[in-house]
Every structure is written in C-alpha cells, then in structure tokens.
PDB file of N, CA and C in Angstrom:
ATOM      1  N   MET A   1     -55.982 -51.449  72.176  1.00  0.00           N
ATOM      2  CA  MET A   1     -56.700 -51.655  73.643  1.00  0.00           C
ATOM      3  C   MET A   1     -56.246 -53.288  73.593  1.00  0.00           C
ATOM      4  N   ASN A   2     -55.740 -53.485  74.741  1.00  0.00           N
ATOM      5  CA  ASN A   2     -55.426 -55.091  75.035  1.00  0.00           C
ATOM      6  C   ASN A   2     -56.401 -55.989  75.666  1.00  0.00           C
ATOM      7  N   VAL A   3     -57.187 -56.646  75.365  1.00  0.00           N
ATOM      8  CA  VAL A   3     -58.140 -57.203  76.064  1.00  0.00           C
ATOM      9  C   VAL A   3     -58.034 -58.697  76.097  1.00  0.00           C
ATOM     10  N   GLY A   4     -57.412 -59.292  77.530  1.00  0.00           N
ATOM     11  CA  GLY A   4     -57.150 -60.769  77.353  1.00  0.00           C
ATOM     12  C   GLY A   4     -58.459 -61.440  77.922  1.00  0.00           C
ATOM     13  N   SER A   5     -58.382 -62.892  78.028  1.00  0.00           N
ATOM     14  CA  SER A   5     -59.153 -63.773  78.495  1.00  0.00           C
ATOM     15  C   SER A   5     -59.088 -64.081  80.012  1.00  0.00           C
ATOM     16  N   ARG A   6     -57.958 -63.525  81.003  1.00  0.00           N
ATOM     17  CA  ARG A   6     -57.880 -63.684  82.142  1.00  0.00           C
ATOM     18  C   ARG A   6     -59.222 -63.327  83.033  1.00  0.00           C
ATOM     19  N   LEU A   7     -59.064 -63.915  84.226  1.00  0.00           N
ATOM     20  CA  LEU A   7     -59.667 -63.448  85.068  1.00  0.00           C
ATOM     21  C   LEU A   7     -60.165 -62.137  85.748  1.00  0.00           C
ATOM     22  N   GLY A   8     -59.093 -61.495  85.723  1.00  0.00           N
ATOM     23  CA  GLY A   8     -59.276 -59.876  86.001  1.00  0.00           C
ATOM     24  C   GLY A   8     -60.052 -59.404  85.022  1.00  0.00           C
ATOM     25  N   THR A   9     -59.703 -59.731  83.747  1.00  0.00           N
ATOM     26  CA  THR A   9     -60.493 -59.062  82.537  1.00  0.00           C
ATOM     27  C   THR A   9     -62.099 -59.350  83.001  1.00  0.00           C
ATOM     28  N   LEU A  10     -62.042 -60.605  83.164  1.00  0.00           N
ATOM     29  CA  LEU A  10     -63.879 -61.098  83.171  1.00  0.00           C
ATOM     30  C   LEU A  10     -64.345 -60.791  84.467  1.00  0.00           C
ATOM     31  N   ILE A  11     -63.677 -60.099  85.383  1.00  0.00           N
ATOM     32  CA  ILE A  11     -64.392 -59.550  86.603  1.00  0.00           C
ATOM     33  C   ILE A  11     -64.596 -58.009  86.231  1.00  0.00           C
ATOM     34  N   GLY A  12     -63.682 -57.287  85.423  1.00  0.00           N
ATOM     35  CA  GLY A  12     -63.857 -56.019  85.034  1.00  0.00           C
ATOM     36  C   GLY A  12     -65.229 -55.905  84.204  1.00  0.00           C
ATOM     37  N   LEU A  13     -65.483 -57.002  83.342  1.00  0.00           N
ATOM     38  CA  LEU A  13     -66.650 -57.021  82.675  1.00  0.00           C
ATOM     39  C   LEU A  13     -67.633 -57.051  83.523  1.00  0.00           C
ATOM     40  N   LEU A  14     -67.686 -57.975  84.312  1.00  0.00           N
ATOM     41  CA  LEU A  14     -68.706 -58.283  85.575  1.00  0.00           C
ATOM     42  C   LEU A  14     -68.945 -57.017  86.198  1.00  0.00           C
ATOM     43  N   TYR A  15     -68.015 -56.204  86.644  1.00  0.00           N
ATOM     44  CA  TYR A  15     -68.097 -54.751  87.446  1.00  0.00           C
ATOM     45  C   TYR A  15     -69.059 -53.825  86.384  1.00  0.00           C
ATOM     46  N   ILE A  16     -68.738 -54.064  85.028  1.00  0.00           N
ATOM     47  CA  ILE A  16     -69.447 -53.329  84.222  1.00  0.00           C
ATOM     48  C   ILE A  16     -70.868 -53.391  84.084  1.00  0.00           C
ATOM     49  N   LEU A  17     -71.195 -54.608  84.101  1.00  0.00           N
ATOM     50  CA  LEU A  17     -72.608 -55.047  83.985  1.00  0.00           C
ATOM     51  C   LEU A  17     -73.239 -54.860  85.452  1.00  0.00           C
ATOM     52  N   LEU A  18     -72.349 -55.259  86.367  1.00  0.00           N
ATOM     53  CA  LEU A  18     -73.272 -55.123  87.489  1.00  0.00           C
ATOM     54  C   LEU A  18     -73.569 -53.556  87.916  1.00  0.00           C
ATOM     55  N   ALA A  19     -72.821 -52.654  87.563  1.00  0.00           N
ATOM     56  CA  ALA A  19     -73.113 -51.166  87.662  1.00  0.00           C
ATOM     57  C   ALA A  19     -74.390 -50.632  87.017  1.00  0.00           C
ATOM     58  N   PHE A  20     -74.377 -51.322  85.562  1.00  0.00           N
ATOM     59  CA  PHE A  20     -75.551 -50.708  84.859  1.00  0.00           C
ATOM     60  C   PHE A  20     -76.935 -51.493  85.698  1.00  0.00           C
ATOM     61  N   GLY A  21     -76.664 -52.859  85.774  1.00  0.00           N
ATOM     62  CA  GLY A  21     -77.846 -53.684  86.590  1.00  0.00           C
ATOM     63  C   GLY A  21     -78.302 -52.783  88.024  1.00  0.00           C
ATOM     64  N   TYR A  22     -77.553 -52.646  88.715  1.00  0.00           N
ATOM     65  CA  TYR A  22     -77.267 -52.057  89.972  1.00  0.00           C
ATOM     66  C   TYR A  22     -78.275 -50.723  89.800  1.00  0.00           C
ATOM     67  N   PHE A  23     -77.957 -50.042  88.877  1.00  0.00           N
ATOM     68  CA  PHE A  23     -78.546 -48.248  88.574  1.00  0.00           C
ATOM     69  C   PHE A  23     -79.997 -48.571  88.391  1.00  0.00           C
ATOM     70  N   ILE A  24     -80.320 -49.597  87.523  1.00  0.00           N
ATOM     71  CA  ILE A  24     -81.273 -49.861  86.872  1.00  0.00           C
ATOM     72  C   ILE A  24     -82.377 -50.291  87.984  1.00  0.00           C
ATOM     73  N   VAL A  25     -81.807 -51.439  89.013  1.00  0.00           N
ATOM     74  CA  VAL A  25     -82.784 -51.998  90.007  1.00  0.00           C
ATOM     75  C   VAL A  25     -82.828 -51.000  91.298  1.00  0.00           C
ATOM     76  N   MET A  26     -81.977 -50.237  91.200  1.00  0.00           N
ATOM     77  CA  MET A  26     -82.189 -48.919  92.408  1.00  0.00           C
ATOM     78  C   MET A  26     -83.152 -47.952  91.998  1.00  0.00           C
ATOM     79  N   ILE A  27     -83.092 -47.693  90.655  1.00  0.00           N
ATOM     80  CA  ILE A  27     -84.124 -46.833  90.096  1.00  0.00           C
ATOM     81  C   ILE A  27     -85.407 -47.291  90.080  1.00  0.00           C
ATOM     82  N   ILE A  28     -85.556 -48.243  89.655  1.00  0.00           N
ATOM     83  CA  ILE A  28     -86.999 -49.033  89.869  1.00  0.00           C
ATOM     84  C   ILE A  28     -87.592 -49.028  91.326  1.00  0.00           C
ATOM     85  N   ALA A  29     -86.366 -49.365  92.040  1.00  0.00           N
ATOM     86  CA  ALA A  29     -86.873 -49.500  93.372  1.00  0.00           C
ATOM     87  C   ALA A  29     -87.338 -48.233  94.020  1.00  0.00           C
ATOM     88  N   ILE A  30     -86.677 -47.009  93.566  1.00  0.00           N
ATOM     89  CA  ILE A  30     -87.043 -46.013  94.199  1.00  0.00           C
ATOM     90  C   ILE A  30     -88.384 -45.349  93.849  1.00  0.00           C
ATOM     91  N   ALA A  31     -88.778 -45.798  92.248  1.00  0.00           N
ATOM     92  CA  ALA A  31     -90.036 -45.625  91.672  1.00  0.00           C
ATOM     93  C   ALA A  31     -91.096 -46.274  92.340  1.00  0.00           C
ATOM     94  N   ARG A  32     -90.846 -47.367  92.704  1.00  0.00           N
ATOM     95  CA  ARG A  32     -92.030 -48.405  93.436  1.00  0.00           C
ATOM     96  C   ARG A  32     -92.277 -47.491  94.753  1.00  0.00           C
ATOM     97  N   SER A  33     -91.033 -47.239  95.654  1.00  0.00           N
ATOM     98  CA  SER A  33     -91.626 -46.824  97.082  1.00  0.00           C
ATOM     99  C   SER A  33     -92.079 -45.394  97.336  1.00  0.00           C
ATOM    100  N   SER A  34     -93.296 -45.694  97.855  1.00  0.00           N
ATOM    101  CA  SER A  34     -93.976 -44.227  97.787  1.00  0.00           C
ATOM    102  C   SER A  34     -94.103 -43.954  99.279  1.00  0.00           C
ATOM    103  N   ASN A  35     -93.784 -44.812 100.334  1.00  0.00           N
ATOM    104  CA  ASN A  35     -94.113 -44.357 101.869  1.00  0.00           C
ATOM    105  C   ASN A  35     -92.722 -44.101 102.368  1.00  0.00           C
ATOM    106  N   ASN A  36     -91.455 -44.179 101.869  1.00  0.00           N
ATOM    107  CA  ASN A  36     -90.564 -43.379 102.326  1.00  0.00           C
ATOM    108  C   ASN A  36     -90.484 -41.950 102.266  1.00  0.00           C
ATOM    109  N   SER A  37     -89.836 -41.430 103.310  1.00  0.00           N
ATOM    110  CA  SER A  37     -89.719 -40.151 103.556  1.00  0.00           C
ATOM    111  C   SER A  37     -88.638 -39.348 102.818  1.00  0.00           C
ATOM    112  N   PHE A  38     -88.671 -38.186 102.557  1.00  0.00           N
ATOM    113  CA  PHE A  38     -87.776 -37.266 101.652  1.00  0.00           C
ATOM    114  C   PHE A  38     -86.398 -37.808 101.952  1.00  0.00           C
ATOM    115  N   ARG A  39     -85.966 -38.080 103.529  1.00  0.00           N
ATOM    116  CA  ARG A  39     -84.516 -38.130 103.649  1.00  0.00           C
ATOM    117  C   ARG A  39     -84.052 -39.506 103.099  1.00  0.00           C
ATOM    118  N   ASN A  40     -84.950 -40.372 103.345  1.00  0.00           N
ATOM    119  CA  ASN A  40     -84.528 -41.774 102.822  1.00  0.00           C
ATOM    120  C   ASN A  40     -84.467 -42.086 101.282  1.00  0.00           C
ATOM    121  N   THR A  41     -85.317 -41.054 100.638  1.00  0.00           N
ATOM    122  CA  THR A  41     -85.572 -41.361  99.442  1.00  0.00           C
ATOM    123  C   THR A  41     -84.117 -40.500  98.752  1.00  0.00           C
ATOM    124  N   GLY A  42     -83.804 -39.409  99.141  1.00  0.00           N
ATOM    125  CA  GLY A  42     -82.319 -38.862  98.765  1.00  0.00           C
ATOM    126  C   GLY A  42     -81.417 -39.704  98.976  1.00  0.00           C
ATOM    127  N   LEU A  43     -81.368 -40.366  99.861  1.00  0.00           N
ATOM    128  CA  LEU A  43     -79.938 -40.984 100.325  1.00  0.00           C
ATOM    129  C   LEU A  43     -80.169 -42.212  99.244  1.00  0.00           C
ATOM    130  N   TYR A  44     -81.253 -42.729  98.971  1.00  0.00           N
ATOM    131  CA  TYR A  44     -81.367 -43.639  97.811  1.00  0.00           C
ATOM    132  C   TYR A  44     -80.793 -43.194  96.634  1.00  0.00           C
ATOM    133  N   ILE A  45     -81.316 -42.357  96.284  1.00  0.00           N
ATOM    134  CA  ILE A  45     -80.919 -41.678  95.119  1.00  0.00           C
ATOM    135  C   ILE A  45     -79.629 -41.188  95.076  1.00  0.00           C
ATOM    136  N   ILE A  46     -78.750 -40.874  95.835  1.00  0.00           N
ATOM    137  CA  ILE A  46     -77.226 -40.547  95.882  1.00  0.00           C
ATOM    138  C   ILE A  46     -76.545 -42.074  95.795  1.00  0.00           C
ATOM    139  N   GLN A  47     -77.288 -42.865  96.821  1.00  0.00           N
ATOM    140  CA  GLN A  47     -76.580 -44.156  96.442  1.00  0.00           C
ATOM    141  C   GLN A  47     -76.634 -44.956  95.007  1.00  0.00           C
ATOM    142  N   SER A  48     -77.793 -44.577  94.375  1.00  0.00           N
ATOM    143  CA  SER A  48     -78.059 -45.377  93.116  1.00  0.00           C
ATOM    144  C   SER A  48     -77.415 -44.683  92.036  1.00  0.00           C
ATOM    145  N   VAL A  49     -76.904 -43.524  92.346  1.00  0.00           N
ATOM    146  CA  VAL A  49     -75.766 -43.114  91.525  1.00  0.00           C
ATOM    147  C   VAL A  49     -74.347 -43.189  91.870  1.00  0.00           C
ATOM    148  N   VAL A  50     -73.927 -43.055  93.024  1.00  0.00           N
ATOM    149  CA  VAL A  50     -72.503 -43.280  93.490  1.00  0.00           C
ATOM    150  C   VAL A  50     -72.095 -44.740  93.166  1.00  0.00           C
ATOM    151  N   ILE A  51     -72.808 -45.578  93.760  1.00  0.00           N
ATOM    152  CA  ILE A  51     -72.237 -46.999  93.631  1.00  0.00           C
ATOM    153  C   ILE A  51     -72.130 -47.411  92.586  1.00  0.00           C
ATOM    154  N   PRO A  52     -72.894 -47.184  91.225  1.00  0.00           N
ATOM    155  CA  PRO A  52     -72.891 -47.623  90.023  1.00  0.00           C
ATOM    156  C   PRO A  52     -71.252 -46.992  89.441  1.00  0.00           C
ATOM    157  N   ILE A  53     -71.274 -45.750  89.756  1.00  0.00           N
ATOM    158  CA  ILE A  53     -69.739 -45.078  89.205  1.00  0.00           C
ATOM    159  C   ILE A  53     -68.591 -45.957  89.942  1.00  0.00           C
ATOM    160  N   LEU A  54     -68.913 -46.126  91.072  1.00  0.00           N
ATOM    161  CA  LEU A  54     -67.766 -47.070  91.837  1.00  0.00           C
ATOM    162  C   LEU A  54     -67.625 -48.391  91.282  1.00  0.00           C
ATOM    163  N   LEU A  55     -68.689 -48.826  90.818  1.00  0.00           N
ATOM    164  CA  LEU A  55     -68.295 -50.086  90.269  1.00  0.00           C
ATOM    165  C   LEU A  55     -67.876 -50.015  88.765  1.00  0.00           C
ATOM    166  N   PHE A  56     -68.319 -48.953  88.111  1.00  0.00           N
ATOM    167  CA  PHE A  56     -67.756 -48.988  86.386  1.00  0.00           C
ATOM    168  C   PHE A  56     -66.525 -48.708  86.379  1.00  0.00           C
ATOM    169  N   LEU A  57     -65.852 -47.793  87.180  1.00  0.00           N
ATOM    170  CA  LEU A  57     -64.616 -47.132  87.033  1.00  0.00           C
ATOM    171  C   LEU A  57     -63.481 -48.471  87.288  1.00  0.00           C
ATOM    172  N   PRO A  58     -63.585 -48.996  88.305  1.00  0.00           N
ATOM    173  CA  PRO A  58     -62.633 -50.234  88.461  1.00  0.00           C
ATOM    174  C   PRO A  58     -62.907 -51.303  87.423  1.00  0.00           C
ATOM    175  N   GLY A  59     -64.178 -51.597  86.820  1.00  0.00           N
ATOM    176  CA  GLY A  59     -64.427 -52.199  85.723  1.00  0.00           C
ATOM    177  C   GLY A  59     -63.550 -51.957  84.593  1.00  0.00           C
ATOM    178  N   VAL A  60     -63.795 -50.696  84.131  1.00  0.00           N
ATOM    179  CA  VAL A  60     -63.523 -50.560  83.012  1.00  0.00           C
ATOM    180  C   VAL A  60     -61.625 -50.600  83.301  1.00  0.00           C
ATOM    181  N   ILE A  61     -61.060 -50.280  84.390  1.00  0.00           N
ATOM    182  CA  ILE A  61     -59.824 -50.366  84.728  1.00  0.00           C
ATOM    183  C   ILE A  61     -59.302 -51.967  84.347  1.00  0.00           C
ATOM    184  N   LEU A  62     -60.158 -52.633  85.168  1.00  0.00           N
ATOM    185  CA  LEU A  62     -59.818 -54.151  84.986  1.00  0.00           C
ATOM    186  C   LEU A  62     -60.051 -54.842  83.471  1.00  0.00           C
ATOM    187  N   LEU A  63     -61.075 -54.265  82.909  1.00  0.00           N
ATOM    188  CA  LEU A  63     -61.299 -54.602  81.619  1.00  0.00           C
ATOM    189  C   LEU A  63     -59.920 -54.293  80.441  1.00  0.00           C
ATOM    190  N   TRP A  64     -59.662 -53.189  80.943  1.00  0.00           N
ATOM    191  CA  TRP A  64     -58.357 -52.881  80.007  1.00  0.00           C
ATOM    192  C   TRP A  64     -56.930 -53.392  80.532  1.00  0.00           C
ATOM    193  N   SER A  65     -57.027 -53.675  81.677  1.00  0.00           N
ATOM    194  CA  SER A  65     -55.740 -54.154  82.137  1.00  0.00           C
ATOM    195  C   SER A  65     -55.751 -55.081  83.042  1.00  0.00           C
ATOM    196  N   GLY A  66     -56.596 -55.971  83.137  1.00  0.00           N
ATOM    197  CA  GLY A  66     -56.673 -56.989  84.112  1.00  0.00           C
ATOM    198  C   GLY A  66     -56.059 -58.020  83.625  1.00  0.00           C
ATOM    199  N   TRP A  67     -55.360 -58.362  82.340  1.00  0.00           N
ATOM    200  CA  TRP A  67     -54.516 -59.412  81.883  1.00  0.00           C
ATOM    201  C   TRP A  67     -53.350 -58.995  82.592  1.00  0.00           C
ATOM    202  N   ARG A  68     -52.699 -58.030  82.745  1.00  0.00           N
ATOM    203  CA  ARG A  68     -51.708 -58.002  83.459  1.00  0.00           C
ATOM    204  C   ARG A  68     -51.541 -58.001  84.961  1.00  0.00           C
ATOM    205  N   LEU A  69     -52.618 -58.365  85.887  1.00  0.00           N
ATOM    206  CA  LEU A  69     -52.393 -58.715  86.952  1.00  0.00           C
ATOM    207  C   LEU A  69     -51.824 -59.837  87.402  1.00  0.00           C
ATOM    208  N   GLN A  70     -50.777 -59.746  88.717  1.00  0.00           N
ATOM    209  CA  GLN A  70     -50.075 -60.669  88.958  1.00  0.00           C
ATOM    210  C   GLN A  70     -51.196 -61.470  89.845  1.00  0.00           C
ATOM    211  N   PRO A  71     -50.903 -63.245  90.220  1.00  0.00           N
ATOM    212  CA  PRO A  71     -52.103 -64.016  90.585  1.00  0.00           C
ATOM    213  C   PRO A  71     -52.017 -63.542  92.166  1.00  0.00           C
ATOM    214  N   SER A  72     -51.706 -62.832  93.096  1.00  0.00           N
ATOM    215  CA  SER A  72     -52.057 -62.421  94.299  1.00  0.00           C
ATOM    216  C   SER A  72     -53.000 -61.399  94.122  1.00  0.00           C
ATOM    217  N   LEU A  73     -52.983 -60.420  93.282  1.00  0.00           N
ATOM    218  CA  LEU A  73     -53.805 -59.293  93.071  1.00  0.00           C
ATOM    219  C   LEU A  73     -55.030 -59.636  92.289  1.00  0.00           C
ATOM    220  N   GLU A  74     -55.048 -60.983  91.255  1.00  0.00           N
ATOM    221  CA  GLU A  74     -55.887 -61.289  90.706  1.00  0.00           C
ATOM    222  C   GLU A  74     -57.051 -62.279  91.871  1.00  0.00           C
ATOM    223  N   PHE A  75     -56.355 -62.829  92.708  1.00  0.00           N
ATOM    224  CA  PHE A  75     -57.132 -63.125  93.828  1.00  0.00           C
ATOM    225  C   PHE A  75     -57.674 -62.355  94.728  1.00  0.00           C
ATOM    226  N   ALA A  76     -57.171 -61.426  94.858  1.00  0.00           N
ATOM    227  CA  ALA A  76     -57.839 -60.240  95.867  1.00  0.00           C
ATOM    228  C   ALA A  76     -58.968 -59.677  94.812  1.00  0.00           C
ATOM    229  N   GLN A  77     -58.825 -59.510  93.725  1.00  0.00           N
ATOM    230  CA  GLN A  77     -60.038 -58.728  93.153  1.00  0.00           C
ATOM    231  C   GLN A  77     -61.105 -59.727  92.974  1.00  0.00           C
ATOM    232  N   VAL A  78     -60.875 -61.158  92.740  1.00  0.00           N
ATOM    233  CA  VAL A  78     -61.612 -62.183  92.808  1.00  0.00           C
ATOM    234  C   VAL A  78     -62.725 -62.212  94.318  1.00  0.00           C
ATOM    235  N   LEU A  79     -61.918 -62.044  95.477  1.00  0.00           N
ATOM    236  CA  LEU A  79     -62.563 -62.013  96.815  1.00  0.00           C
ATOM    237  C   LEU A  79     -63.097 -60.867  96.716  1.00  0.00           C
ATOM    238  N   GLN A  80     -62.704 -59.389  96.396  1.00  0.00           N
ATOM    239  CA  GLN A  80     -63.370 -58.282  96.447  1.00  0.00           C
ATOM    240  C   GLN A  80     -64.394 -58.351  95.649  1.00  0.00           C
ATOM    241  N   ALA A  81     -64.837 -58.982  94.207  1.00  0.00           N
ATOM    242  CA  ALA A  81     -65.653 -59.248  93.564  1.00  0.00           C
ATOM    243  C   ALA A  81     -66.960 -60.076  94.040  1.00  0.00           C
ATOM    244  N   ILE A  82     -66.719 -60.973  95.029  1.00  0.00           N
ATOM    245  CA  ILE A  82     -67.292 -61.776  95.904  1.00  0.00           C
ATOM    246  C   ILE A  82     -68.234 -60.852  96.893  1.00  0.00           C
ATOM    247  N   ALA A  83     -67.390 -60.084  97.520  1.00  0.00           N
ATOM    248  CA  ALA A  83     -68.122 -59.168  98.207  1.00  0.00           C
ATOM    249  C   ALA A  83     -69.033 -58.440  97.787  1.00  0.00           C
ATOM    250  N   VAL A  84     -68.490 -57.647  96.986  1.00  0.00           N
ATOM    251  CA  VAL A  84     -69.244 -56.574  96.189  1.00  0.00           C
ATOM    252  C   VAL A  84     -70.808 -57.227  95.519  1.00  0.00           C
ATOM    253  N   ILE A  85     -70.582 -58.319  94.888  1.00  0.00           N
ATOM    254  CA  ILE A  85     -71.746 -58.889  94.341  1.00  0.00           C
ATOM    255  C   ILE A  85     -72.513 -59.240  95.561  1.00  0.00           C
ATOM    256  N   TYR A  86     -72.120 -59.906  96.308  1.00  0.00           N
ATOM    257  CA  TYR A  86     -73.028 -60.282  97.352  1.00  0.00           C
ATOM    258  C   TYR A  86     -73.952 -58.991  98.285  1.00  0.00           C
ATOM    259  N   LEU A  87     -73.146 -57.836  98.312  1.00  0.00           N
ATOM    260  CA  LEU A  87     -73.326 -56.690  99.283  1.00  0.00           C
ATOM    261  C   LEU A  87     -74.583 -56.084  98.306  1.00  0.00           C
ATOM    262  N   THR A  88     -74.306 -55.642  96.739  1.00  0.00           N
ATOM    263  CA  THR A  88     -75.336 -55.274  95.763  1.00  0.00           C
ATOM    264  C   THR A  88     -76.534 -55.966  95.761  1.00  0.00           C
ATOM    265  N   LEU A  89     -76.600 -57.407  95.327  1.00  0.00           N
ATOM    266  CA  LEU A  89     -77.526 -58.323  95.733  1.00  0.00           C
ATOM    267  C   LEU A  89     -78.501 -58.269  96.859  1.00  0.00           C
ATOM    268  N   ARG A  90     -77.879 -58.533  97.833  1.00  0.00           N
ATOM    269  CA  ARG A  90     -78.545 -58.096  99.358  1.00  0.00           C
ATOM    270  C   ARG A  90     -79.125 -56.667  99.280  1.00  0.00           C
ATOM    271  N   ASP A  91     -78.642 -55.677  98.929  1.00  0.00           N
ATOM    272  CA  ASP A  91     -79.029 -54.504  99.108  1.00  0.00           C
ATOM    273  C   ASP A  91     -80.285 -54.223  98.050  1.00  0.00           C
ATOM    274  N   ALA A  92     -80.086 -54.640  97.062  1.00  0.00           N
ATOM    275  CA  ALA A  92     -81.293 -54.788  95.775  1.00  0.00           C
ATOM    276  C   ALA A  92     -82.568 -55.537  96.301  1.00  0.00           C
ATOM    277  N   PHE A  93     -81.849 -56.741  96.832  1.00  0.00           N
ATOM    278  CA  PHE A  93     -83.375 -57.712  97.453  1.00  0.00           C
ATOM    279  C   PHE A  93     -84.258 -57.295  98.576  1.00  0.00           C
ATOM    280  N   VAL A  94     -83.340 -56.506  99.425  1.00  0.00           N
ATOM    281  CA  VAL A  94     -83.738 -55.993 100.703  1.00  0.00           C
ATOM    282  C   VAL A  94     -84.752 -55.003 100.394  1.00  0.00           C
ATOM    283  N   LYS A  95     -84.220 -53.783  99.379  1.00  0.00           N
ATOM    284  CA  LYS A  95     -85.027 -52.698  99.012  1.00  0.00           C
ATOM    285  C   LYS A  95     -86.321 -53.268  98.226  1.00  0.00           C
ATOM    286  N   PHE A  96     -86.170 -54.175  97.202  1.00  0.00           N
ATOM    287  CA  PHE A  96     -87.563 -54.936  96.847  1.00  0.00           C
ATOM    288  C   PHE A  96     -88.428 -55.536  97.555  1.00  0.00           C
ATOM    289  N   SER A  97     -87.735 -56.289  98.633  1.00  0.00           N
ATOM    290  CA  SER A  97     -88.729 -56.727  99.666  1.00  0.00           C
ATOM    291  C   SER A  97     -89.575 -56.359 100.446  1.00  0.00           C
ATOM    292  N   ARG A  98     -89.496 -55.175 100.624  1.00  0.00           N
ATOM    293  CA  ARG A  98     -90.332 -54.068 101.311  1.00  0.00           C
ATOM    294  C   ARG A  98     -91.411 -53.395 100.419  1.00  0.00           C
TER     295      ARG A  98
END
C-alpha cells in the first residue's frame, strides 16, 4: 500500500474520520429525538447509514491513491471536502439544536 503525505491523502483520512463521526452523531441524534414521526425517523436512519458509506468509500480511495492526484484534481477534492464538511456539520448541529 502506497500512502503518501500529500493533501489528497489527508483529505481521504479526513473523509474516513468524518464518516465514523457523522454516523455516531446521527445515531445519538435519532436516539434523543422522541417527538419525530415514524416517517422522519426512517429518513434520518437511512441518511445516517447512506451518508457515512458515501464518505467512507471516497476516503479509502483517496487514502489509497491520493498521493497520485494531479494538482487540479487535488484542488477539486479540497473544494469538495470543504462543502461536505460544512454540510455534514450543519446537518448535525441543526439536528441537535431541536
């Protein structure tokens, strides 16, 4: 396994950590919410399973081969990471503030 210390590899590691953190935060948020309807709770359960998978898989790919990214692709991954981190943190904090 070739793991370098470039920015793409670090973003991959960040995606993996964010996937586990998001899963834990959403499970805690679902357990805390008792006044949601069954439909909303079902959607949050699906979201708390699908989103970490969608974060984990690219994280493993970037961790495995992020050191080989061209600078333009690496910049695109940085922008995407900023958007993903913002949206997941916003979603987690909005869910906890209710």
